[in-house]
N, C-alpha and C. Protein backbone atom coordinates (compact mmCIF):
# COMPACT_ATOMS: atom_id res chain seq x y z
N MET A 1 40.99 -53.23 -36.72
CA MET A 1 40.06 -52.75 -37.75
C MET A 1 40.01 -51.23 -37.73
N SER A 2 40.09 -50.60 -38.89
CA SER A 2 40.17 -49.15 -38.97
C SER A 2 38.89 -48.46 -38.52
N ASN A 3 37.76 -49.16 -38.61
CA ASN A 3 36.51 -48.53 -38.25
C ASN A 3 36.16 -48.74 -36.77
N GLU A 4 37.04 -49.40 -36.04
CA GLU A 4 36.82 -49.57 -34.60
C GLU A 4 36.96 -48.24 -33.88
N ILE A 5 36.16 -48.06 -32.86
CA ILE A 5 36.29 -46.88 -32.00
C ILE A 5 37.19 -47.27 -30.84
N THR A 6 38.38 -46.71 -30.83
CA THR A 6 39.32 -47.02 -29.75
C THR A 6 39.07 -46.08 -28.57
N ILE A 7 39.22 -46.61 -27.37
CA ILE A 7 38.82 -45.89 -26.17
C ILE A 7 39.86 -46.03 -25.07
N VAL A 8 40.08 -44.93 -24.36
CA VAL A 8 40.84 -44.95 -23.11
C VAL A 8 39.88 -44.56 -22.00
N ILE A 9 39.90 -45.30 -20.91
CA ILE A 9 39.04 -45.04 -19.76
C ILE A 9 39.90 -44.58 -18.59
N ALA A 10 39.48 -43.49 -17.94
CA ALA A 10 40.19 -43.01 -16.75
C ALA A 10 39.19 -42.71 -15.65
N ASP A 11 39.30 -43.48 -14.57
CA ASP A 11 38.39 -43.30 -13.44
C ASP A 11 39.08 -43.85 -12.20
N ASP A 12 38.97 -43.14 -11.09
CA ASP A 12 39.65 -43.58 -9.87
C ASP A 12 38.86 -44.62 -9.09
N HIS A 13 37.67 -44.98 -9.56
CA HIS A 13 36.88 -46.02 -8.91
C HIS A 13 37.10 -47.34 -9.65
N PRO A 14 37.90 -48.25 -9.11
CA PRO A 14 38.31 -49.46 -9.84
C PRO A 14 37.15 -50.36 -10.26
N ILE A 15 36.14 -50.49 -9.43
CA ILE A 15 35.03 -51.38 -9.78
C ILE A 15 34.30 -50.86 -11.00
N TYR A 16 34.01 -49.56 -11.00
CA TYR A 16 33.31 -48.97 -12.15
C TYR A 16 34.17 -49.04 -13.39
N ARG A 17 35.47 -48.71 -13.24
CA ARG A 17 36.38 -48.70 -14.38
C ARG A 17 36.51 -50.08 -15.01
N LYS A 18 36.74 -51.09 -14.18
CA LYS A 18 36.91 -52.45 -14.69
C LYS A 18 35.61 -52.97 -15.31
N GLY A 19 34.49 -52.63 -14.65
CA GLY A 19 33.21 -53.08 -15.18
C GLY A 19 32.91 -52.48 -16.53
N LEU A 20 33.21 -51.19 -16.66
CA LEU A 20 32.98 -50.51 -17.94
C LEU A 20 33.87 -51.10 -19.02
N TRP A 21 35.13 -51.38 -18.68
CA TRP A 21 36.05 -51.98 -19.65
C TRP A 21 35.52 -53.34 -20.13
N GLN A 22 35.05 -54.16 -19.22
CA GLN A 22 34.55 -55.47 -19.60
C GLN A 22 33.34 -55.37 -20.53
N ILE A 23 32.45 -54.42 -20.22
CA ILE A 23 31.26 -54.25 -21.05
C ILE A 23 31.62 -53.74 -22.43
N LEU A 24 32.45 -52.68 -22.48
CA LEU A 24 32.82 -52.10 -23.77
C LEU A 24 33.67 -53.07 -24.58
N GLY A 25 34.47 -53.87 -23.88
CA GLY A 25 35.34 -54.81 -24.57
C GLY A 25 34.59 -55.91 -25.30
N THR A 26 33.35 -56.13 -24.93
CA THR A 26 32.55 -57.16 -25.60
C THR A 26 31.52 -56.55 -26.55
N THR A 27 31.62 -55.23 -26.76
CA THR A 27 30.68 -54.55 -27.66
C THR A 27 31.31 -54.43 -29.05
N PRO A 28 30.66 -54.98 -30.07
CA PRO A 28 31.22 -54.90 -31.43
C PRO A 28 31.47 -53.45 -31.86
N GLY A 29 32.61 -53.24 -32.48
CA GLY A 29 32.95 -51.92 -32.98
C GLY A 29 33.68 -51.04 -32.00
N LEU A 30 33.82 -51.52 -30.76
CA LEU A 30 34.54 -50.75 -29.74
C LEU A 30 35.75 -51.53 -29.26
N ARG A 31 36.82 -50.82 -28.94
CA ARG A 31 38.01 -51.49 -28.41
C ARG A 31 38.68 -50.59 -27.38
N VAL A 32 38.75 -51.07 -26.15
CA VAL A 32 39.43 -50.32 -25.09
C VAL A 32 40.92 -50.59 -25.20
N VAL A 33 41.71 -49.52 -25.38
CA VAL A 33 43.15 -49.69 -25.56
C VAL A 33 43.93 -49.40 -24.29
N GLY A 34 43.22 -48.97 -23.25
CA GLY A 34 43.92 -48.71 -21.99
C GLY A 34 42.98 -48.16 -20.94
N GLU A 35 43.35 -48.36 -19.68
CA GLU A 35 42.56 -47.80 -18.58
C GLU A 35 43.52 -47.28 -17.52
N ALA A 36 43.09 -46.21 -16.83
CA ALA A 36 43.94 -45.57 -15.84
C ALA A 36 43.10 -45.14 -14.65
N ASP A 37 43.77 -45.01 -13.51
CA ASP A 37 43.05 -44.59 -12.31
C ASP A 37 43.35 -43.14 -11.93
N ASN A 38 44.06 -42.44 -12.81
CA ASN A 38 44.35 -41.02 -12.55
C ASN A 38 44.63 -40.29 -13.86
N GLY A 39 44.60 -38.98 -13.80
CA GLY A 39 44.75 -38.18 -15.01
C GLY A 39 46.11 -38.25 -15.65
N ALA A 40 47.15 -38.29 -14.83
CA ALA A 40 48.51 -38.34 -15.37
C ALA A 40 48.71 -39.62 -16.19
N ALA A 41 48.26 -40.75 -15.65
CA ALA A 41 48.38 -42.02 -16.37
C ALA A 41 47.52 -42.02 -17.62
N ALA A 42 46.36 -41.37 -17.51
CA ALA A 42 45.47 -41.29 -18.67
C ALA A 42 46.14 -40.54 -19.81
N LEU A 43 46.82 -39.46 -19.50
CA LEU A 43 47.51 -38.68 -20.53
C LEU A 43 48.59 -39.50 -21.23
N GLU A 44 49.30 -40.33 -20.47
CA GLU A 44 50.32 -41.18 -21.07
C GLU A 44 49.70 -42.17 -22.04
N LEU A 45 48.55 -42.74 -21.64
CA LEU A 45 47.86 -43.69 -22.52
C LEU A 45 47.33 -43.00 -23.78
N ILE A 46 46.79 -41.80 -23.59
CA ILE A 46 46.25 -41.05 -24.73
C ILE A 46 47.37 -40.65 -25.69
N ARG A 47 48.51 -40.23 -25.12
CA ARG A 47 49.65 -39.87 -25.96
C ARG A 47 50.14 -41.07 -26.76
N ALA A 48 50.16 -42.23 -26.12
CA ALA A 48 50.71 -43.43 -26.76
C ALA A 48 49.75 -44.05 -27.78
N HIS A 49 48.46 -44.04 -27.47
CA HIS A 49 47.50 -44.77 -28.31
C HIS A 49 46.62 -43.88 -29.20
N ARG A 50 46.55 -42.58 -28.87
CA ARG A 50 45.69 -41.66 -29.62
C ARG A 50 44.31 -42.28 -29.91
N PRO A 51 43.56 -42.60 -28.87
CA PRO A 51 42.25 -43.20 -29.07
C PRO A 51 41.28 -42.22 -29.72
N ARG A 52 40.21 -42.73 -30.28
CA ARG A 52 39.18 -41.86 -30.84
C ARG A 52 38.44 -41.14 -29.72
N VAL A 53 38.26 -41.86 -28.59
CA VAL A 53 37.48 -41.31 -27.47
C VAL A 53 38.21 -41.55 -26.15
N ALA A 54 38.24 -40.51 -25.32
CA ALA A 54 38.76 -40.64 -23.96
C ALA A 54 37.59 -40.47 -23.00
N MET A 55 37.31 -41.50 -22.20
CA MET A 55 36.22 -41.45 -21.24
C MET A 55 36.82 -41.13 -19.87
N LEU A 56 36.49 -39.94 -19.36
CA LEU A 56 37.16 -39.44 -18.17
C LEU A 56 36.18 -39.10 -17.05
N ASN A 57 36.63 -39.36 -15.83
CA ASN A 57 35.90 -38.89 -14.66
C ASN A 57 36.34 -37.45 -14.42
N PRO A 58 35.41 -36.48 -14.47
CA PRO A 58 35.81 -35.08 -14.31
C PRO A 58 36.26 -34.72 -12.90
N GLU A 59 36.00 -35.63 -11.93
CA GLU A 59 36.28 -35.29 -10.54
C GLU A 59 37.29 -36.23 -9.89
N MET A 60 38.23 -36.73 -10.68
CA MET A 60 39.30 -37.56 -10.11
C MET A 60 40.23 -36.72 -9.25
N PRO A 61 40.81 -37.28 -8.21
CA PRO A 61 41.82 -36.54 -7.43
C PRO A 61 43.07 -36.32 -8.26
N GLY A 62 43.82 -35.30 -7.91
CA GLY A 62 45.01 -34.96 -8.71
C GLY A 62 44.59 -34.35 -10.03
N LYS A 63 45.18 -34.82 -11.12
CA LYS A 63 44.75 -34.37 -12.43
C LYS A 63 43.38 -34.96 -12.72
N ASP A 64 42.38 -34.08 -12.84
CA ASP A 64 41.04 -34.60 -13.09
C ASP A 64 40.72 -34.55 -14.59
N GLY A 65 39.48 -34.86 -14.93
CA GLY A 65 39.10 -34.88 -16.34
C GLY A 65 39.27 -33.54 -17.03
N PHE A 66 39.08 -32.47 -16.29
CA PHE A 66 39.26 -31.14 -16.88
C PHE A 66 40.72 -30.90 -17.24
N ASP A 67 41.63 -31.28 -16.33
CA ASP A 67 43.06 -31.11 -16.60
C ASP A 67 43.49 -31.91 -17.82
N VAL A 68 43.00 -33.14 -17.90
CA VAL A 68 43.35 -34.00 -19.04
C VAL A 68 42.81 -33.40 -20.34
N THR A 69 41.58 -32.92 -20.29
CA THR A 69 40.97 -32.33 -21.50
C THR A 69 41.72 -31.10 -21.96
N ARG A 70 42.11 -30.26 -21.03
CA ARG A 70 42.88 -29.05 -21.40
C ARG A 70 44.17 -29.43 -22.10
N THR A 71 44.84 -30.46 -21.59
CA THR A 71 46.09 -30.90 -22.22
C THR A 71 45.83 -31.42 -23.63
N ILE A 72 44.76 -32.18 -23.80
CA ILE A 72 44.39 -32.71 -25.12
C ILE A 72 44.17 -31.56 -26.09
N VAL A 73 43.44 -30.55 -25.63
CA VAL A 73 43.15 -29.39 -26.49
C VAL A 73 44.43 -28.61 -26.81
N GLU A 74 45.25 -28.37 -25.79
CA GLU A 74 46.48 -27.60 -25.98
C GLU A 74 47.43 -28.29 -26.96
N ARG A 75 47.48 -29.62 -26.91
CA ARG A 75 48.41 -30.37 -27.78
C ARG A 75 47.79 -30.72 -29.13
N GLY A 76 46.53 -30.41 -29.29
CA GLY A 76 45.89 -30.65 -30.58
C GLY A 76 45.70 -32.10 -30.92
N TRP A 77 45.61 -32.96 -29.92
CA TRP A 77 45.41 -34.38 -30.19
C TRP A 77 43.99 -34.61 -30.72
N PRO A 78 43.84 -35.43 -31.75
CA PRO A 78 42.51 -35.69 -32.34
C PRO A 78 41.73 -36.72 -31.53
N VAL A 79 41.42 -36.36 -30.30
CA VAL A 79 40.72 -37.25 -29.37
C VAL A 79 39.48 -36.53 -28.85
N GLU A 80 38.34 -37.19 -28.95
CA GLU A 80 37.11 -36.63 -28.41
C GLU A 80 36.96 -37.08 -26.96
N VAL A 81 36.45 -36.19 -26.14
CA VAL A 81 36.34 -36.46 -24.71
C VAL A 81 34.90 -36.66 -24.28
N VAL A 82 34.71 -37.67 -23.45
CA VAL A 82 33.42 -37.94 -22.82
C VAL A 82 33.63 -37.91 -21.32
N PHE A 83 32.80 -37.17 -20.62
CA PHE A 83 32.87 -37.16 -19.16
C PHE A 83 31.85 -38.14 -18.59
N MET A 84 32.28 -38.91 -17.60
CA MET A 84 31.40 -39.81 -16.86
C MET A 84 31.33 -39.28 -15.44
N ALA A 85 30.21 -38.70 -15.07
CA ALA A 85 30.11 -37.99 -13.81
C ALA A 85 29.10 -38.62 -12.86
N VAL A 86 29.37 -38.46 -11.58
CA VAL A 86 28.40 -38.83 -10.55
C VAL A 86 27.50 -37.64 -10.27
N SER A 87 28.12 -36.47 -10.24
CA SER A 87 27.40 -35.25 -9.90
C SER A 87 26.50 -34.77 -11.03
N LYS A 88 25.34 -34.25 -10.65
CA LYS A 88 24.43 -33.63 -11.61
C LYS A 88 24.58 -32.11 -11.58
N SER A 89 25.70 -31.64 -11.10
CA SER A 89 25.96 -30.21 -10.98
C SER A 89 25.88 -29.52 -12.34
N GLU A 90 25.04 -28.51 -12.43
CA GLU A 90 24.91 -27.77 -13.68
C GLU A 90 26.18 -26.96 -13.94
N LYS A 91 26.81 -26.49 -12.87
CA LYS A 91 28.06 -25.74 -13.02
C LYS A 91 29.14 -26.61 -13.65
N LEU A 92 29.27 -27.84 -13.17
CA LEU A 92 30.25 -28.78 -13.72
C LEU A 92 29.91 -29.09 -15.17
N PHE A 93 28.63 -29.29 -15.45
CA PHE A 93 28.16 -29.59 -16.80
C PHE A 93 28.54 -28.47 -17.77
N ASN A 94 28.26 -27.23 -17.39
CA ASN A 94 28.56 -26.09 -18.26
C ASN A 94 30.06 -25.90 -18.45
N ALA A 95 30.82 -26.12 -17.39
CA ALA A 95 32.28 -26.00 -17.51
C ALA A 95 32.83 -27.02 -18.49
N ALA A 96 32.24 -28.22 -18.48
CA ALA A 96 32.68 -29.28 -19.40
C ALA A 96 32.39 -28.90 -20.84
N LEU A 97 31.18 -28.44 -21.11
CA LEU A 97 30.82 -28.07 -22.48
C LEU A 97 31.61 -26.85 -22.95
N ASP A 98 31.88 -25.93 -22.04
CA ASP A 98 32.68 -24.75 -22.40
C ASP A 98 34.09 -25.16 -22.82
N LEU A 99 34.57 -26.26 -22.26
CA LEU A 99 35.92 -26.74 -22.56
C LEU A 99 35.97 -27.53 -23.86
N GLY A 100 34.79 -27.89 -24.38
CA GLY A 100 34.74 -28.61 -25.64
C GLY A 100 34.50 -30.10 -25.50
N VAL A 101 34.12 -30.54 -24.29
CA VAL A 101 33.82 -31.96 -24.09
C VAL A 101 32.63 -32.34 -24.97
N LYS A 102 32.77 -33.44 -25.71
CA LYS A 102 31.73 -33.84 -26.66
C LYS A 102 30.57 -34.58 -26.00
N GLY A 103 30.87 -35.35 -24.95
CA GLY A 103 29.82 -36.13 -24.33
C GLY A 103 29.82 -35.97 -22.82
N PHE A 104 28.62 -36.01 -22.25
CA PHE A 104 28.51 -35.90 -20.79
C PHE A 104 27.42 -36.87 -20.35
N VAL A 105 27.83 -37.94 -19.68
CA VAL A 105 26.86 -38.93 -19.19
C VAL A 105 27.06 -39.13 -17.70
N LEU A 106 25.99 -39.52 -17.05
CA LEU A 106 26.06 -39.84 -15.64
C LEU A 106 26.43 -41.31 -15.48
N LYS A 107 27.13 -41.62 -14.40
CA LYS A 107 27.52 -43.00 -14.17
C LYS A 107 26.32 -43.91 -13.98
N GLU A 108 25.21 -43.32 -13.58
CA GLU A 108 23.99 -44.11 -13.39
C GLU A 108 23.25 -44.35 -14.71
N SER A 109 23.77 -43.81 -15.80
CA SER A 109 23.10 -43.93 -17.09
C SER A 109 23.00 -45.38 -17.54
N LYS A 110 22.00 -45.64 -18.35
CA LYS A 110 21.85 -46.97 -18.93
C LYS A 110 22.97 -47.22 -19.93
N LEU A 111 23.29 -48.48 -20.14
CA LEU A 111 24.36 -48.84 -21.07
C LEU A 111 24.10 -48.27 -22.46
N GLU A 112 22.86 -48.29 -22.89
CA GLU A 112 22.53 -47.78 -24.22
C GLU A 112 22.91 -46.31 -24.36
N GLU A 113 22.69 -45.53 -23.30
CA GLU A 113 23.06 -44.11 -23.33
C GLU A 113 24.57 -43.95 -23.44
N ILE A 114 25.31 -44.76 -22.67
CA ILE A 114 26.77 -44.66 -22.70
C ILE A 114 27.30 -45.02 -24.08
N LEU A 115 26.76 -46.07 -24.67
CA LEU A 115 27.20 -46.47 -26.01
C LEU A 115 26.86 -45.41 -27.05
N ASN A 116 25.66 -44.85 -26.95
CA ASN A 116 25.27 -43.78 -27.88
C ASN A 116 26.18 -42.57 -27.73
N CYS A 117 26.57 -42.30 -26.50
CA CYS A 117 27.47 -41.17 -26.23
C CYS A 117 28.83 -41.40 -26.88
N ILE A 118 29.37 -42.60 -26.71
CA ILE A 118 30.68 -42.92 -27.29
C ILE A 118 30.64 -42.81 -28.81
N ARG A 119 29.62 -43.39 -29.41
CA ARG A 119 29.51 -43.38 -30.87
C ARG A 119 29.29 -41.98 -31.40
N SER A 120 28.50 -41.19 -30.69
CA SER A 120 28.27 -39.80 -31.12
C SER A 120 29.56 -39.00 -31.05
N ALA A 121 30.28 -39.14 -29.94
CA ALA A 121 31.54 -38.41 -29.77
C ALA A 121 32.55 -38.80 -30.84
N ALA A 122 32.64 -40.10 -31.13
CA ALA A 122 33.57 -40.58 -32.15
C ALA A 122 33.25 -40.01 -33.51
N SER A 123 31.98 -39.67 -33.74
CA SER A 123 31.55 -39.07 -35.01
C SER A 123 31.62 -37.55 -34.98
N GLY A 124 32.12 -37.00 -33.87
CA GLY A 124 32.24 -35.56 -33.75
C GLY A 124 30.95 -34.86 -33.36
N GLU A 125 29.98 -35.65 -32.89
CA GLU A 125 28.71 -35.09 -32.48
C GLU A 125 28.60 -35.07 -30.95
N SER A 126 27.78 -34.17 -30.44
CA SER A 126 27.62 -34.03 -28.99
C SER A 126 26.51 -34.95 -28.48
N PHE A 127 26.67 -35.36 -27.21
CA PHE A 127 25.64 -36.18 -26.57
C PHE A 127 25.68 -35.92 -25.08
N VAL A 128 24.50 -35.75 -24.48
CA VAL A 128 24.40 -35.62 -23.02
C VAL A 128 23.29 -36.53 -22.53
N SER A 129 23.41 -36.96 -21.30
CA SER A 129 22.37 -37.79 -20.72
C SER A 129 21.03 -37.06 -20.81
N PRO A 130 19.98 -37.74 -21.23
CA PRO A 130 18.67 -37.10 -21.37
C PRO A 130 18.18 -36.40 -20.11
N VAL A 131 18.57 -36.91 -18.93
CA VAL A 131 18.12 -36.27 -17.69
C VAL A 131 18.73 -34.88 -17.50
N LEU A 132 19.75 -34.57 -18.29
CA LEU A 132 20.41 -33.26 -18.20
C LEU A 132 19.98 -32.34 -19.34
N ALA A 133 18.95 -32.72 -20.08
CA ALA A 133 18.51 -31.94 -21.23
C ALA A 133 18.12 -30.52 -20.83
N SER A 134 17.58 -30.36 -19.62
CA SER A 134 17.17 -29.02 -19.17
C SER A 134 18.37 -28.09 -19.06
N TYR A 135 19.56 -28.66 -18.77
CA TYR A 135 20.76 -27.83 -18.69
C TYR A 135 21.11 -27.24 -20.05
N LEU A 136 20.89 -28.03 -21.12
CA LEU A 136 21.14 -27.52 -22.47
C LEU A 136 20.19 -26.39 -22.79
N LEU A 137 18.93 -26.53 -22.37
CA LEU A 137 17.94 -25.48 -22.59
C LEU A 137 18.33 -24.21 -21.85
N ASN A 138 18.82 -24.38 -20.63
CA ASN A 138 19.27 -23.22 -19.86
C ASN A 138 20.44 -22.53 -20.53
N ARG A 139 21.38 -23.32 -21.08
CA ARG A 139 22.53 -22.76 -21.79
C ARG A 139 22.07 -21.95 -22.99
N SER A 140 21.11 -22.51 -23.71
CA SER A 140 20.59 -21.83 -24.90
C SER A 140 19.94 -20.50 -24.52
N ARG A 141 19.17 -20.52 -23.45
CA ARG A 141 18.51 -19.29 -23.01
C ARG A 141 19.51 -18.25 -22.57
N ARG A 142 20.55 -18.68 -21.84
CA ARG A 142 21.57 -17.73 -21.40
C ARG A 142 22.34 -17.16 -22.58
N ALA A 143 22.61 -18.02 -23.57
CA ALA A 143 23.32 -17.55 -24.76
C ALA A 143 22.50 -16.51 -25.52
N GLU A 144 21.20 -16.76 -25.62
CA GLU A 144 20.32 -15.81 -26.31
C GLU A 144 20.25 -14.50 -25.54
N ALA A 145 20.14 -14.61 -24.22
CA ALA A 145 20.09 -13.39 -23.39
C ALA A 145 21.40 -12.62 -23.50
N GLY A 146 22.52 -13.37 -23.52
CA GLY A 146 23.82 -12.72 -23.65
C GLY A 146 23.97 -12.01 -24.98
N ALA A 147 23.47 -12.64 -26.05
CA ALA A 147 23.54 -12.03 -27.38
C ALA A 147 22.73 -10.73 -27.41
N ARG A 148 21.56 -10.76 -26.78
CA ARG A 148 20.74 -9.54 -26.74
C ARG A 148 21.44 -8.45 -25.94
N SER A 149 22.07 -8.84 -24.83
CA SER A 149 22.78 -7.86 -24.01
C SER A 149 23.94 -7.24 -24.77
N GLU A 150 24.68 -8.07 -25.51
CA GLU A 150 25.81 -7.57 -26.28
C GLU A 150 25.34 -6.61 -27.37
N GLN A 151 24.21 -6.95 -27.98
CA GLN A 151 23.66 -6.08 -29.03
C GLN A 151 23.28 -4.72 -28.45
N ARG A 152 22.64 -4.73 -27.27
CA ARG A 152 22.27 -3.47 -26.63
C ARG A 152 23.52 -2.70 -26.20
N ALA A 153 24.55 -3.45 -25.73
CA ALA A 153 25.77 -2.78 -25.28
C ALA A 153 26.46 -2.04 -26.41
N ARG A 154 26.30 -2.53 -27.65
CA ARG A 154 26.93 -1.86 -28.79
C ARG A 154 26.31 -0.49 -29.07
N SER A 155 25.14 -0.24 -28.49
CA SER A 155 24.49 1.05 -28.71
C SER A 155 25.03 2.13 -27.77
N LEU A 156 25.88 1.73 -26.83
CA LEU A 156 26.43 2.70 -25.88
C LEU A 156 27.50 3.58 -26.55
N THR A 157 27.56 4.82 -26.12
CA THR A 157 28.58 5.74 -26.62
C THR A 157 29.90 5.44 -25.92
N PRO A 158 31.03 5.93 -26.46
CA PRO A 158 32.31 5.72 -25.79
C PRO A 158 32.31 6.22 -24.35
N THR A 159 31.66 7.37 -24.10
CA THR A 159 31.60 7.90 -22.73
C THR A 159 30.81 6.96 -21.82
N GLU A 160 29.70 6.43 -22.34
CA GLU A 160 28.88 5.51 -21.54
C GLU A 160 29.65 4.22 -21.26
N ARG A 161 30.43 3.76 -22.23
CA ARG A 161 31.24 2.56 -22.01
C ARG A 161 32.30 2.83 -20.93
N ARG A 162 32.87 4.00 -20.97
CA ARG A 162 33.88 4.37 -19.98
C ARG A 162 33.25 4.39 -18.59
N ILE A 163 32.08 4.95 -18.47
CA ILE A 163 31.38 5.00 -17.18
C ILE A 163 31.05 3.59 -16.71
N LEU A 164 30.63 2.75 -17.64
CA LEU A 164 30.30 1.37 -17.28
C LEU A 164 31.53 0.62 -16.77
N SER A 165 32.67 0.88 -17.37
CA SER A 165 33.90 0.21 -16.91
C SER A 165 34.29 0.69 -15.51
N LEU A 166 34.02 1.96 -15.22
CA LEU A 166 34.31 2.49 -13.89
C LEU A 166 33.32 1.95 -12.86
N ILE A 167 32.08 1.74 -13.29
CA ILE A 167 31.10 1.13 -12.40
C ILE A 167 31.54 -0.28 -12.04
N ALA A 168 32.12 -0.98 -13.03
CA ALA A 168 32.61 -2.34 -12.78
C ALA A 168 33.76 -2.34 -11.77
N GLU A 169 34.43 -1.21 -11.61
CA GLU A 169 35.50 -1.09 -10.62
C GLU A 169 34.96 -0.65 -9.26
N HIS A 170 33.62 -0.63 -9.16
CA HIS A 170 32.93 -0.25 -7.93
C HIS A 170 33.18 1.21 -7.55
N ARG A 171 33.36 2.03 -8.57
CA ARG A 171 33.53 3.47 -8.32
C ARG A 171 32.18 4.11 -8.01
N THR A 172 32.18 5.06 -7.09
CA THR A 172 30.96 5.79 -6.77
C THR A 172 30.72 6.86 -7.83
N ASN A 173 29.51 7.43 -7.83
CA ASN A 173 29.21 8.50 -8.79
C ASN A 173 30.18 9.66 -8.61
N LYS A 174 30.50 9.98 -7.36
CA LYS A 174 31.42 11.09 -7.09
C LYS A 174 32.81 10.79 -7.65
N GLU A 175 33.28 9.56 -7.46
CA GLU A 175 34.61 9.19 -7.97
C GLU A 175 34.63 9.21 -9.49
N ILE A 176 33.55 8.74 -10.12
CA ILE A 176 33.49 8.74 -11.58
C ILE A 176 33.45 10.17 -12.11
N ALA A 177 32.67 11.02 -11.44
CA ALA A 177 32.57 12.43 -11.85
C ALA A 177 33.93 13.11 -11.77
N GLU A 178 34.67 12.83 -10.72
CA GLU A 178 36.01 13.44 -10.56
C GLU A 178 36.95 12.92 -11.63
N ARG A 179 36.84 11.63 -11.94
CA ARG A 179 37.70 11.04 -12.96
C ARG A 179 37.44 11.63 -14.34
N LEU A 180 36.17 11.94 -14.64
CA LEU A 180 35.80 12.44 -15.97
C LEU A 180 35.64 13.96 -16.01
N PHE A 181 35.88 14.60 -14.88
CA PHE A 181 35.81 16.06 -14.81
C PHE A 181 34.42 16.59 -15.17
N VAL A 182 33.40 15.94 -14.64
CA VAL A 182 32.02 16.38 -14.84
C VAL A 182 31.32 16.38 -13.49
N SER A 183 30.07 16.83 -13.47
CA SER A 183 29.33 16.87 -12.22
C SER A 183 28.74 15.50 -11.88
N VAL A 184 28.42 15.32 -10.62
CA VAL A 184 27.77 14.08 -10.17
C VAL A 184 26.43 13.93 -10.87
N ARG A 185 25.74 15.05 -11.05
CA ARG A 185 24.44 15.02 -11.72
C ARG A 185 24.57 14.48 -13.15
N THR A 186 25.64 14.86 -13.82
CA THR A 186 25.88 14.36 -15.19
C THR A 186 26.07 12.84 -15.18
N ILE A 187 26.80 12.33 -14.20
CA ILE A 187 27.01 10.88 -14.10
C ILE A 187 25.69 10.18 -13.81
N GLU A 188 24.87 10.77 -12.96
CA GLU A 188 23.57 10.18 -12.65
C GLU A 188 22.71 10.09 -13.92
N ASN A 189 22.77 11.13 -14.73
CA ASN A 189 22.02 11.12 -16.00
C ASN A 189 22.54 10.05 -16.94
N HIS A 190 23.87 9.92 -16.99
CA HIS A 190 24.47 8.88 -17.82
C HIS A 190 24.03 7.50 -17.36
N ARG A 191 24.05 7.27 -16.06
CA ARG A 191 23.65 5.96 -15.52
C ARG A 191 22.20 5.65 -15.89
N HIS A 192 21.36 6.66 -15.81
CA HIS A 192 19.95 6.48 -16.18
C HIS A 192 19.83 6.10 -17.66
N ASN A 193 20.56 6.83 -18.51
CA ASN A 193 20.51 6.57 -19.95
C ASN A 193 21.05 5.18 -20.29
N ILE A 194 22.13 4.79 -19.62
CA ILE A 194 22.71 3.47 -19.86
C ILE A 194 21.71 2.38 -19.47
N SER A 195 21.09 2.54 -18.31
CA SER A 195 20.10 1.56 -17.85
C SER A 195 18.93 1.47 -18.83
N GLN A 196 18.53 2.61 -19.38
CA GLN A 196 17.43 2.61 -20.34
C GLN A 196 17.82 1.85 -21.61
N LYS A 197 19.03 2.12 -22.11
CA LYS A 197 19.48 1.46 -23.32
C LYS A 197 19.63 -0.05 -23.14
N LEU A 198 20.07 -0.45 -21.94
CA LEU A 198 20.31 -1.87 -21.67
C LEU A 198 19.08 -2.57 -21.10
N ASN A 199 18.03 -1.81 -20.93
CA ASN A 199 16.76 -2.36 -20.40
C ASN A 199 16.99 -3.00 -19.03
N LEU A 200 17.69 -2.29 -18.17
CA LEU A 200 18.00 -2.79 -16.84
C LEU A 200 17.10 -2.16 -15.80
N ARG A 201 16.70 -2.97 -14.82
CA ARG A 201 15.85 -2.49 -13.74
C ARG A 201 16.44 -2.94 -12.42
N GLY A 202 16.28 -2.12 -11.39
CA GLY A 202 16.76 -2.50 -10.07
C GLY A 202 18.02 -1.75 -9.67
N ALA A 203 18.20 -1.61 -8.36
CA ALA A 203 19.30 -0.79 -7.83
C ALA A 203 20.68 -1.31 -8.22
N HIS A 204 20.83 -2.63 -8.32
CA HIS A 204 22.16 -3.19 -8.58
C HIS A 204 22.30 -3.80 -9.98
N ALA A 205 21.28 -3.63 -10.81
CA ALA A 205 21.29 -4.26 -12.14
C ALA A 205 22.45 -3.73 -13.00
N LEU A 206 22.71 -2.44 -12.91
CA LEU A 206 23.77 -1.85 -13.73
C LEU A 206 25.14 -2.37 -13.31
N LEU A 207 25.37 -2.47 -12.01
CA LEU A 207 26.63 -3.00 -11.51
C LEU A 207 26.80 -4.45 -11.94
N LYS A 208 25.76 -5.25 -11.82
CA LYS A 208 25.83 -6.66 -12.22
C LYS A 208 26.15 -6.79 -13.70
N PHE A 209 25.49 -5.97 -14.53
CA PHE A 209 25.77 -6.01 -15.97
C PHE A 209 27.23 -5.64 -16.23
N ALA A 210 27.70 -4.60 -15.57
CA ALA A 210 29.08 -4.14 -15.77
C ALA A 210 30.07 -5.24 -15.39
N LEU A 211 29.83 -5.92 -14.28
CA LEU A 211 30.73 -6.99 -13.82
C LEU A 211 30.67 -8.18 -14.78
N ASP A 212 29.49 -8.51 -15.27
CA ASP A 212 29.32 -9.67 -16.17
C ASP A 212 29.94 -9.44 -17.53
N HIS A 213 30.08 -8.16 -17.92
CA HIS A 213 30.56 -7.85 -19.28
C HIS A 213 31.84 -7.02 -19.26
N MET A 214 32.63 -7.17 -18.20
CA MET A 214 33.86 -6.37 -18.07
C MET A 214 34.78 -6.51 -19.27
N THR A 215 34.91 -7.72 -19.79
CA THR A 215 35.85 -7.95 -20.90
C THR A 215 35.35 -7.40 -22.22
N GLU A 216 34.05 -7.05 -22.28
CA GLU A 216 33.46 -6.58 -23.52
C GLU A 216 33.33 -5.07 -23.58
N ILE A 217 33.53 -4.42 -22.39
CA ILE A 217 33.32 -2.97 -22.33
C ILE A 217 34.49 -2.24 -22.99
């Protein structure tokens, strides 16, 4: 049936993988077209069947869910990815969303959540386990803070940007002054002005900002 959501499952835990296949296989509108216990085998199944959704364990040994997702993206396959994770790591969660993963559910999630995640991903919509909702809020806050920082950074002069890039290289005021052929006092004044423009406080705030925004300077 053309409206069926076809699925490939990849997980190195056989009991969970087989159990999930049995459950999804009896759910109307869903059809599991293959299952694998590693990333390499999963890629072969995805290449052969082009499922609507690939359900991957992000922490499989060898090629993990991240490796499989990168290959899907690089090859332009029209497959949406859902991660099934044990870990509640916020770092892992953010890395998955940064890669374009459409769904992120915990293995402990209720069946209803897993089904909603699959259907949402198949429709091109995002879904995460409700217990991880705070991670989305944190992402939003960081994005807003980053946008404000970028806006303030655009107010810097070319000289201030140059100084900021040298700060990111861990250059001392004396080294920066020698590089720009000015006095140390002039560099100190520039650092003060940059901190004022960026609304930075604290002894290491300027260095942290410079390191965080190296590619934008």
